[in-house]
Amino acid sequence: QVQLVESGGGLVQPGGSLRLSCAASRSIFSFDAMGWFRQAPGKQREQVATSSYSGHTNYADSVKGRFTISFDSAKNIVYLQMVSLKPEDTAVYYCSLRSEISYLWEYWGQGTRVTVSS
């Protein structure tokens, strides 16, 4: 088991930036991949960004060029740097780890809310 705790959300104006952090309770190297997801009000949860440990990343089309996923393996922290934020980025953001056994996103944090509004 692993616990994930997100932080860094908040209220930001359009065009602003935020960096989300996800702290894991143990080494993230025992998992297949890491990712960030989000769920906007009234919508289904969607994948935002994923990364393998080799650095292979994937981004949703809506965030390409604006969001960057990264990690600090020494601290067991996964980051999501977000710039040029838009009102449509408003959502609760969740980090997740993918099991190397099932290849499913089995481990989730509690989420951190991001609101983009003037």
N, C-alpha and C. Protein backbone atom coordinates (compact mmCIF):
# COMPACT_ATOMS: atom_id res chain seq x y z
N GLN A 1 0.82 -1.19 0.00
CA GLN A 1 0.00 0.00 0.00
C GLN A 1 0.87 1.25 0.00
N VAL A 2 0.28 2.33 -0.46
CA VAL A 2 0.97 3.61 -0.47
C VAL A 2 -0.07 4.70 -0.27
N GLN A 3 0.30 5.71 0.46
CA GLN A 3 -0.58 6.88 0.62
C GLN A 3 -0.04 8.02 -0.22
N LEU A 4 -0.96 8.71 -0.86
CA LEU A 4 -0.61 9.84 -1.71
C LEU A 4 -1.31 11.08 -1.18
N VAL A 5 -0.56 12.16 -1.04
CA VAL A 5 -1.13 13.40 -0.53
C VAL A 5 -0.79 14.53 -1.50
N GLU A 6 -1.83 15.10 -2.10
CA GLU A 6 -1.64 16.21 -3.03
C GLU A 6 -1.69 17.54 -2.28
N SER A 7 -1.02 18.52 -2.84
CA SER A 7 -1.06 19.88 -2.31
C SER A 7 -0.76 20.85 -3.44
N GLY A 8 -0.98 22.13 -3.16
CA GLY A 8 -0.63 23.15 -4.13
C GLY A 8 -1.78 23.75 -4.90
N GLY A 9 -2.98 23.23 -4.69
CA GLY A 9 -4.13 23.80 -5.38
C GLY A 9 -4.52 25.14 -4.79
N GLY A 10 -5.47 25.79 -5.47
CA GLY A 10 -5.94 27.08 -4.98
C GLY A 10 -6.65 27.85 -6.06
N LEU A 11 -6.84 29.12 -5.78
CA LEU A 11 -7.51 30.03 -6.71
C LEU A 11 -6.45 30.83 -7.46
N VAL A 12 -6.57 30.85 -8.78
CA VAL A 12 -5.61 31.57 -9.60
C VAL A 12 -6.35 32.25 -10.73
N GLN A 13 -5.85 33.38 -11.18
CA GLN A 13 -6.47 34.09 -12.28
C GLN A 13 -6.10 33.44 -13.61
N PRO A 14 -6.94 33.61 -14.61
CA PRO A 14 -6.60 33.10 -15.95
C PRO A 14 -5.24 33.62 -16.38
N GLY A 15 -4.44 32.73 -16.96
CA GLY A 15 -3.08 33.08 -17.36
C GLY A 15 -2.05 32.83 -16.29
N GLY A 16 -2.51 32.51 -15.09
CA GLY A 16 -1.59 32.28 -13.98
C GLY A 16 -1.01 30.88 -13.97
N SER A 17 -0.22 30.62 -12.93
CA SER A 17 0.48 29.33 -12.82
C SER A 17 0.29 28.74 -11.43
N LEU A 18 0.39 27.43 -11.38
CA LEU A 18 0.38 26.69 -10.11
C LEU A 18 1.27 25.47 -10.28
N ARG A 19 1.84 25.02 -9.17
CA ARG A 19 2.55 23.76 -9.16
C ARG A 19 1.92 22.85 -8.12
N LEU A 20 1.41 21.74 -8.58
CA LEU A 20 0.84 20.74 -7.69
C LEU A 20 1.92 19.74 -7.29
N SER A 21 1.83 19.27 -6.06
CA SER A 21 2.76 18.26 -5.56
C SER A 21 1.97 17.06 -5.06
N CYS A 22 2.58 15.91 -5.18
CA CYS A 22 1.97 14.67 -4.69
C CYS A 22 3.06 13.89 -3.96
N ALA A 23 2.92 13.82 -2.65
CA ALA A 23 3.91 13.13 -1.83
C ALA A 23 3.47 11.70 -1.57
N ALA A 24 4.34 10.76 -1.87
CA ALA A 24 4.04 9.34 -1.66
C ALA A 24 4.68 8.87 -0.35
N SER A 25 4.01 7.92 0.30
CA SER A 25 4.49 7.45 1.60
C SER A 25 5.64 6.46 1.49
N ARG A 26 5.92 6.00 0.29
CA ARG A 26 7.07 5.13 0.10
C ARG A 26 7.58 5.27 -1.32
N SER A 27 8.63 4.56 -1.64
CA SER A 27 9.28 4.71 -2.93
C SER A 27 8.31 4.54 -4.09
N ILE A 28 8.37 5.47 -5.00
CA ILE A 28 7.50 5.41 -6.18
C ILE A 28 8.10 4.52 -7.26
N PHE A 29 9.31 4.04 -7.06
CA PHE A 29 9.94 3.21 -8.07
C PHE A 29 9.34 1.81 -8.15
N SER A 30 8.57 1.44 -7.14
CA SER A 30 7.95 0.12 -7.17
C SER A 30 6.66 0.10 -7.97
N PHE A 31 6.33 1.20 -8.62
CA PHE A 31 5.12 1.29 -9.42
C PHE A 31 5.49 1.46 -10.89
N ASP A 32 4.51 1.18 -11.73
CA ASP A 32 4.78 1.18 -13.16
C ASP A 32 4.89 2.59 -13.73
N ALA A 33 4.05 3.48 -13.26
CA ALA A 33 4.03 4.85 -13.78
C ALA A 33 3.30 5.75 -12.80
N MET A 34 3.38 7.04 -13.03
CA MET A 34 2.70 8.03 -12.20
C MET A 34 1.85 8.90 -13.09
N GLY A 35 0.81 9.50 -12.52
CA GLY A 35 -0.05 10.32 -13.35
C GLY A 35 -0.84 11.33 -12.56
N TRP A 36 -1.35 12.31 -13.30
CA TRP A 36 -2.28 13.30 -12.76
C TRP A 36 -3.59 13.21 -13.55
N PHE A 37 -4.68 13.28 -12.82
CA PHE A 37 -6.02 13.25 -13.39
C PHE A 37 -6.78 14.43 -12.81
N ARG A 38 -7.90 14.75 -13.44
CA ARG A 38 -8.73 15.81 -12.89
C ARG A 38 -10.20 15.50 -13.14
N GLN A 39 -11.02 16.09 -12.28
CA GLN A 39 -12.47 15.94 -12.42
C GLN A 39 -13.12 17.29 -12.20
N ALA A 40 -13.72 17.80 -13.26
CA ALA A 40 -14.43 19.06 -13.19
C ALA A 40 -15.87 18.80 -12.74
N PRO A 41 -16.54 19.80 -12.19
CA PRO A 41 -17.92 19.62 -11.74
C PRO A 41 -18.81 19.09 -12.85
N GLY A 42 -19.53 18.02 -12.57
CA GLY A 42 -20.46 17.46 -13.53
C GLY A 42 -19.82 16.67 -14.65
N LYS A 43 -18.51 16.45 -14.56
CA LYS A 43 -17.82 15.72 -15.62
C LYS A 43 -17.11 14.50 -15.05
N GLN A 44 -16.75 13.60 -15.95
CA GLN A 44 -16.01 12.42 -15.54
C GLN A 44 -14.54 12.77 -15.32
N ARG A 45 -13.90 11.95 -14.52
CA ARG A 45 -12.47 12.13 -14.29
C ARG A 45 -11.72 11.88 -15.60
N GLU A 46 -10.75 12.72 -15.89
CA GLU A 46 -9.99 12.58 -17.11
C GLU A 46 -8.48 12.57 -16.81
N GLN A 47 -7.77 11.87 -17.65
CA GLN A 47 -6.32 11.81 -17.53
C GLN A 47 -5.72 13.10 -18.05
N VAL A 48 -4.80 13.67 -17.27
CA VAL A 48 -4.17 14.92 -17.65
C VAL A 48 -2.75 14.69 -18.15
N ALA A 49 -1.96 13.97 -17.34
CA ALA A 49 -0.56 13.76 -17.69
C ALA A 49 -0.07 12.49 -17.02
N THR A 50 0.76 11.75 -17.73
CA THR A 50 1.36 10.55 -17.15
C THR A 50 2.84 10.51 -17.49
N SER A 51 3.57 9.79 -16.66
CA SER A 51 5.00 9.67 -16.90
C SER A 51 5.50 8.32 -16.43
N SER A 52 6.37 7.72 -17.22
CA SER A 52 7.09 6.55 -16.77
C SER A 52 8.38 7.01 -16.11
N TYR A 53 9.12 6.10 -15.50
CA TYR A 53 10.35 6.48 -14.83
C TYR A 53 11.48 6.75 -15.81
N SER A 54 11.28 6.30 -17.03
CA SER A 54 12.28 6.58 -18.07
C SER A 54 12.09 7.96 -18.67
N GLY A 55 11.00 8.62 -18.26
CA GLY A 55 10.76 9.97 -18.75
C GLY A 55 9.79 10.06 -19.90
N HIS A 56 9.22 8.93 -20.27
CA HIS A 56 8.22 8.96 -21.34
C HIS A 56 6.93 9.56 -20.78
N THR A 57 6.47 10.64 -21.39
CA THR A 57 5.30 11.35 -20.88
C THR A 57 4.18 11.39 -21.91
N ASN A 58 2.98 11.52 -21.40
CA ASN A 58 1.78 11.70 -22.23
C ASN A 58 0.93 12.80 -21.62
N TYR A 59 0.35 13.62 -22.48
CA TYR A 59 -0.48 14.71 -22.02
C TYR A 59 -1.80 14.72 -22.78
N ALA A 60 -2.84 15.13 -22.08
CA ALA A 60 -4.10 15.38 -22.76
C ALA A 60 -3.89 16.53 -23.74
N ASP A 61 -4.58 16.48 -24.86
CA ASP A 61 -4.43 17.52 -25.88
C ASP A 61 -4.73 18.91 -25.30
N SER A 62 -5.66 18.96 -24.37
CA SER A 62 -6.09 20.24 -23.82
C SER A 62 -5.02 20.91 -22.96
N VAL A 63 -3.99 20.17 -22.54
CA VAL A 63 -2.98 20.76 -21.66
C VAL A 63 -1.58 20.73 -22.27
N LYS A 64 -1.43 20.16 -23.44
CA LYS A 64 -0.12 20.09 -24.08
C LYS A 64 0.48 21.48 -24.25
N GLY A 65 1.75 21.59 -23.87
CA GLY A 65 2.43 22.87 -23.98
C GLY A 65 2.22 23.78 -22.78
N ARG A 66 1.30 23.40 -21.90
CA ARG A 66 1.02 24.23 -20.72
C ARG A 66 1.33 23.51 -19.41
N PHE A 67 1.16 22.21 -19.38
CA PHE A 67 1.38 21.42 -18.17
C PHE A 67 2.62 20.55 -18.34
N THR A 68 3.34 20.33 -17.24
CA THR A 68 4.51 19.47 -17.25
C THR A 68 4.50 18.58 -16.02
N ILE A 69 4.60 17.28 -16.24
CA ILE A 69 4.70 16.33 -15.14
C ILE A 69 6.16 16.00 -14.91
N SER A 70 6.53 15.91 -13.64
CA SER A 70 7.90 15.55 -13.29
C SER A 70 7.89 14.87 -11.93
N PHE A 71 9.05 14.34 -11.55
CA PHE A 71 9.10 13.70 -10.24
C PHE A 71 10.49 13.83 -9.64
N ASP A 72 10.52 13.75 -8.32
CA ASP A 72 11.76 13.75 -7.57
C ASP A 72 11.83 12.40 -6.88
N SER A 73 12.64 11.51 -7.41
CA SER A 73 12.68 10.15 -6.89
C SER A 73 13.27 10.08 -5.49
N ALA A 74 14.13 11.01 -5.15
CA ALA A 74 14.72 11.00 -3.82
C ALA A 74 13.70 11.36 -2.74
N LYS A 75 12.77 12.23 -3.11
CA LYS A 75 11.77 12.69 -2.15
C LYS A 75 10.43 11.98 -2.33
N ASN A 76 10.32 11.15 -3.36
CA ASN A 76 9.06 10.46 -3.65
C ASN A 76 7.92 11.45 -3.87
N ILE A 77 8.17 12.45 -4.66
CA ILE A 77 7.17 13.48 -4.95
C ILE A 77 6.98 13.56 -6.46
N VAL A 78 5.74 13.66 -6.85
CA VAL A 78 5.37 13.86 -8.25
C VAL A 78 4.80 15.28 -8.37
N TYR A 79 5.20 15.98 -9.41
CA TYR A 79 4.77 17.36 -9.59
C TYR A 79 3.94 17.51 -10.87
N LEU A 80 3.11 18.54 -10.86
CA LEU A 80 2.44 18.96 -12.08
C LEU A 80 2.55 20.48 -12.14
N GLN A 81 3.41 20.96 -13.02
CA GLN A 81 3.56 22.39 -13.23
C GLN A 81 2.53 22.83 -14.26
N MET A 82 1.75 23.82 -13.90
CA MET A 82 0.69 24.30 -14.78
C MET A 82 0.88 25.78 -15.04
N VAL A 83 0.95 26.15 -16.30
CA VAL A 83 1.08 27.56 -16.67
C VAL A 83 -0.02 27.92 -17.65
N SER A 84 -0.19 29.21 -17.87
CA SER A 84 -1.22 29.70 -18.79
C SER A 84 -2.58 29.06 -18.48
N LEU A 85 -2.93 29.06 -17.23
CA LEU A 85 -4.16 28.39 -16.81
C LEU A 85 -5.39 29.07 -17.39
N LYS A 86 -6.39 28.23 -17.67
CA LYS A 86 -7.64 28.70 -18.26
C LYS A 86 -8.79 28.33 -17.33
N PRO A 87 -9.91 29.03 -17.42
CA PRO A 87 -11.06 28.67 -16.58
C PRO A 87 -11.46 27.21 -16.74
N GLU A 88 -11.29 26.65 -17.92
CA GLU A 88 -11.68 25.25 -18.14
C GLU A 88 -10.73 24.26 -17.47
N ASP A 89 -9.65 24.75 -16.87
CA ASP A 89 -8.76 23.88 -16.09
C ASP A 89 -9.27 23.71 -14.66
N THR A 90 -10.32 24.43 -14.32
CA THR A 90 -10.90 24.32 -12.98
C THR A 90 -11.38 22.89 -12.74
N ALA A 91 -10.89 22.28 -11.67
CA ALA A 91 -11.23 20.90 -11.36
C ALA A 91 -10.54 20.49 -10.06
N VAL A 92 -10.89 19.33 -9.58
CA VAL A 92 -10.13 18.69 -8.52
C VAL A 92 -9.09 17.81 -9.20
N TYR A 93 -7.85 17.98 -8.81
CA TYR A 93 -6.75 17.26 -9.42
C TYR A 93 -6.28 16.15 -8.48
N TYR A 94 -6.11 14.97 -9.06
CA TYR A 94 -5.70 13.79 -8.30
C TYR A 94 -4.40 13.23 -8.88
N CYS A 95 -3.53 12.80 -8.01
CA CYS A 95 -2.38 12.05 -8.50
C CYS A 95 -2.65 10.57 -8.29
N SER A 96 -1.95 9.77 -9.06
CA SER A 96 -2.17 8.33 -9.01
C SER A 96 -0.90 7.60 -9.40
N LEU A 97 -0.80 6.39 -8.91
CA LEU A 97 0.29 5.49 -9.29
C LEU A 97 -0.29 4.23 -9.93
N ARG A 98 0.37 3.80 -10.97
CA ARG A 98 -0.13 2.62 -11.68
C ARG A 98 0.62 1.38 -11.21
N SER A 99 -0.15 0.37 -10.89
CA SER A 99 0.43 -0.88 -10.40
C SER A 99 1.23 -1.56 -11.51
N GLU A 100 2.42 -2.05 -11.15
CA GLU A 100 3.24 -2.78 -12.12
C GLU A 100 2.76 -4.21 -12.29
N ILE A 101 1.79 -4.60 -11.47
CA ILE A 101 1.23 -5.95 -11.58
C ILE A 101 -0.02 -5.93 -12.45
N SER A 102 -0.95 -5.07 -12.14
CA SER A 102 -2.22 -5.02 -12.85
C SER A 102 -2.23 -4.02 -14.00
N TYR A 103 -1.25 -3.08 -13.97
CA TYR A 103 -1.22 -1.98 -14.94
C TYR A 103 -2.48 -1.11 -14.85
N LEU A 104 -3.08 -1.11 -13.68
CA LEU A 104 -4.23 -0.26 -13.42
C LEU A 104 -3.82 0.87 -12.49
N TRP A 105 -4.53 1.98 -12.60
CA TRP A 105 -4.30 3.12 -11.70
C TRP A 105 -5.02 2.79 -10.39
N GLU A 106 -4.30 2.17 -9.49
CA GLU A 106 -4.91 1.63 -8.27
C GLU A 106 -4.79 2.53 -7.08
N TYR A 107 -3.82 3.42 -7.07
CA TYR A 107 -3.53 4.21 -5.88
C TYR A 107 -3.80 5.69 -6.17
N TRP A 108 -4.60 6.29 -5.28
CA TRP A 108 -5.07 7.65 -5.52
C TRP A 108 -4.91 8.51 -4.28
N GLY A 109 -4.66 9.79 -4.52
CA GLY A 109 -4.68 10.75 -3.44
C GLY A 109 -6.10 11.26 -3.22
N GLN A 110 -6.22 12.19 -2.28
CA GLN A 110 -7.54 12.71 -1.94
C GLN A 110 -7.95 13.88 -2.84
N GLY A 111 -7.00 14.40 -3.61
CA GLY A 111 -7.31 15.47 -4.54
C GLY A 111 -7.00 16.84 -3.98
N THR A 112 -6.70 17.76 -4.88
CA THR A 112 -6.51 19.16 -4.52
C THR A 112 -7.27 20.02 -5.54
N ARG A 113 -7.99 21.00 -5.04
CA ARG A 113 -8.87 21.78 -5.91
C ARG A 113 -8.11 22.94 -6.55
N VAL A 114 -8.32 23.08 -7.84
CA VAL A 114 -7.78 24.20 -8.60
C VAL A 114 -8.94 24.97 -9.21
N THR A 115 -8.98 26.26 -8.92
CA THR A 115 -10.02 27.13 -9.46
C THR A 115 -9.35 28.26 -10.24
N VAL A 116 -9.70 28.36 -11.50
CA VAL A 116 -9.15 29.41 -12.36
C VAL A 116 -10.27 30.39 -12.66
N SER A 117 -10.16 31.56 -12.09
CA SER A 117 -11.24 32.54 -12.21
C SER A 117 -10.70 33.94 -11.93
N SER A 118 -11.30 34.90 -12.61
CA SER A 118 -10.93 36.30 -12.35
C SER A 118 -11.86 36.91 -11.30
